[in-house]
Amino acid sequence: MAISTAMSIGARSAIEVQGRYKTNTYLDQANEQLFNPRNLHCVIMTFKPESSRDVVEGDVNATKEALVKSMDTPQ
């Protein structure tokens, strides 16, 4: 029973990691080939309505700074 539980947890973790890897790889490729030549950058964000944490201005500014740093031309 312990082996079955461990295998199940391992399989779920591997599926999650593979999904994130494929998503990130696709977005990197789309940004490089489609968006960056048009001076755009695509980022996927999540929204959790059940979260009690409010978005503060610092979070938005930190995201903007990260995007500017990741782009070749910050204009």
Protein backbone atom coordinates (compact mmCIF):
# COMPACT_ATOMS: atom_id res chain seq x y z
CA MET A 1 0.00 0.00 0.00
CA ALA A 2 2.87 2.39 0.80
CA ILE A 3 4.51 1.67 -2.56
CA SER A 4 1.24 2.32 -4.36
CA THR A 5 0.82 5.67 -2.61
CA ALA A 6 4.42 6.67 -3.34
CA MET A 7 4.03 5.73 -7.01
CA SER A 8 0.82 7.73 -7.27
CA ILE A 9 2.39 10.83 -5.72
CA GLY A 10 5.46 10.45 -7.94
CA ALA A 11 3.34 10.09 -11.08
CA ARG A 12 1.24 13.17 -10.24
CA SER A 13 4.39 15.20 -9.57
CA ALA A 14 5.97 14.09 -12.85
CA ILE A 15 2.81 14.99 -14.79
CA GLU A 16 2.76 18.46 -13.21
CA VAL A 17 6.45 19.08 -13.92
CA GLN A 18 6.12 17.90 -17.52
CA GLY A 19 3.06 20.11 -18.08
CA ARG A 20 4.84 23.18 -16.73
CA TYR A 21 7.93 22.42 -18.82
CA LYS A 22 5.91 22.05 -22.01
CA THR A 23 3.94 25.23 -21.30
CA ASN A 24 7.07 27.25 -20.56
CA THR A 25 8.84 25.89 -23.64
CA TYR A 26 5.87 26.77 -25.85
CA LEU A 27 5.62 30.30 -24.42
CA ASP A 28 9.35 30.87 -24.84
CA GLN A 29 9.11 29.79 -28.47
CA ALA A 30 5.98 31.89 -29.10
CA ASN A 31 7.60 34.94 -27.52
CA GLU A 32 10.75 34.48 -29.55
CA GLN A 33 9.07 33.89 -32.92
CA LEU A 34 5.75 35.73 -32.70
CA PHE A 35 5.59 38.37 -30.00
CA ASN A 36 9.15 39.73 -29.62
CA PRO A 37 9.49 40.75 -33.30
CA ARG A 38 6.41 42.96 -32.70
CA ASN A 39 7.89 44.39 -29.46
CA LEU A 40 5.40 42.39 -27.38
CA HIS A 41 5.86 39.80 -24.63
CA CYS A 42 3.34 37.16 -23.56
CA VAL A 43 3.05 36.11 -19.93
CA ILE A 44 0.40 33.85 -18.44
CA MET A 45 -0.78 34.82 -14.98
CA THR A 46 -3.11 32.97 -12.65
CA PHE A 47 -6.01 34.27 -10.61
CA LYS A 48 -7.24 32.62 -7.44
CA PRO A 49 -10.55 34.16 -6.41
CA GLU A 50 -10.58 32.13 -3.18
CA SER A 51 -7.31 33.73 -2.08
CA SER A 52 -7.74 36.26 0.70
CA ARG A 53 -4.53 38.07 -0.24
CA ASP A 54 -5.08 41.40 -1.96
CA VAL A 55 -2.87 42.51 -4.82
CA VAL A 56 -0.75 45.45 -3.79
CA GLU A 57 0.97 48.00 -6.00
CA GLY A 58 4.40 46.57 -5.14
CA ASP A 59 3.49 43.22 -6.69
CA VAL A 60 2.52 44.90 -9.96
CA ASN A 61 5.66 47.02 -10.03
CA ALA A 62 7.83 43.96 -9.37
CA THR A 63 6.19 42.21 -12.31
CA LYS A 64 6.75 45.23 -14.56
CA GLU A 65 10.42 45.38 -13.56
CA ALA A 66 10.87 41.67 -14.26
CA LEU A 67 9.32 42.09 -17.71
CA VAL A 68 11.48 45.09 -18.54
CA LYS A 69 14.60 43.19 -17.51
CA SER A 70 13.63 40.19 -19.62
CA MET A 71 13.01 42.20 -22.80
CA ASP A 72 15.76 43.36 -25.14
CA THR A 73 14.27 46.81 -25.66
CA PRO A 74 12.32 48.11 -22.63
CA GLN A 75 10.38 50.65 -24.73
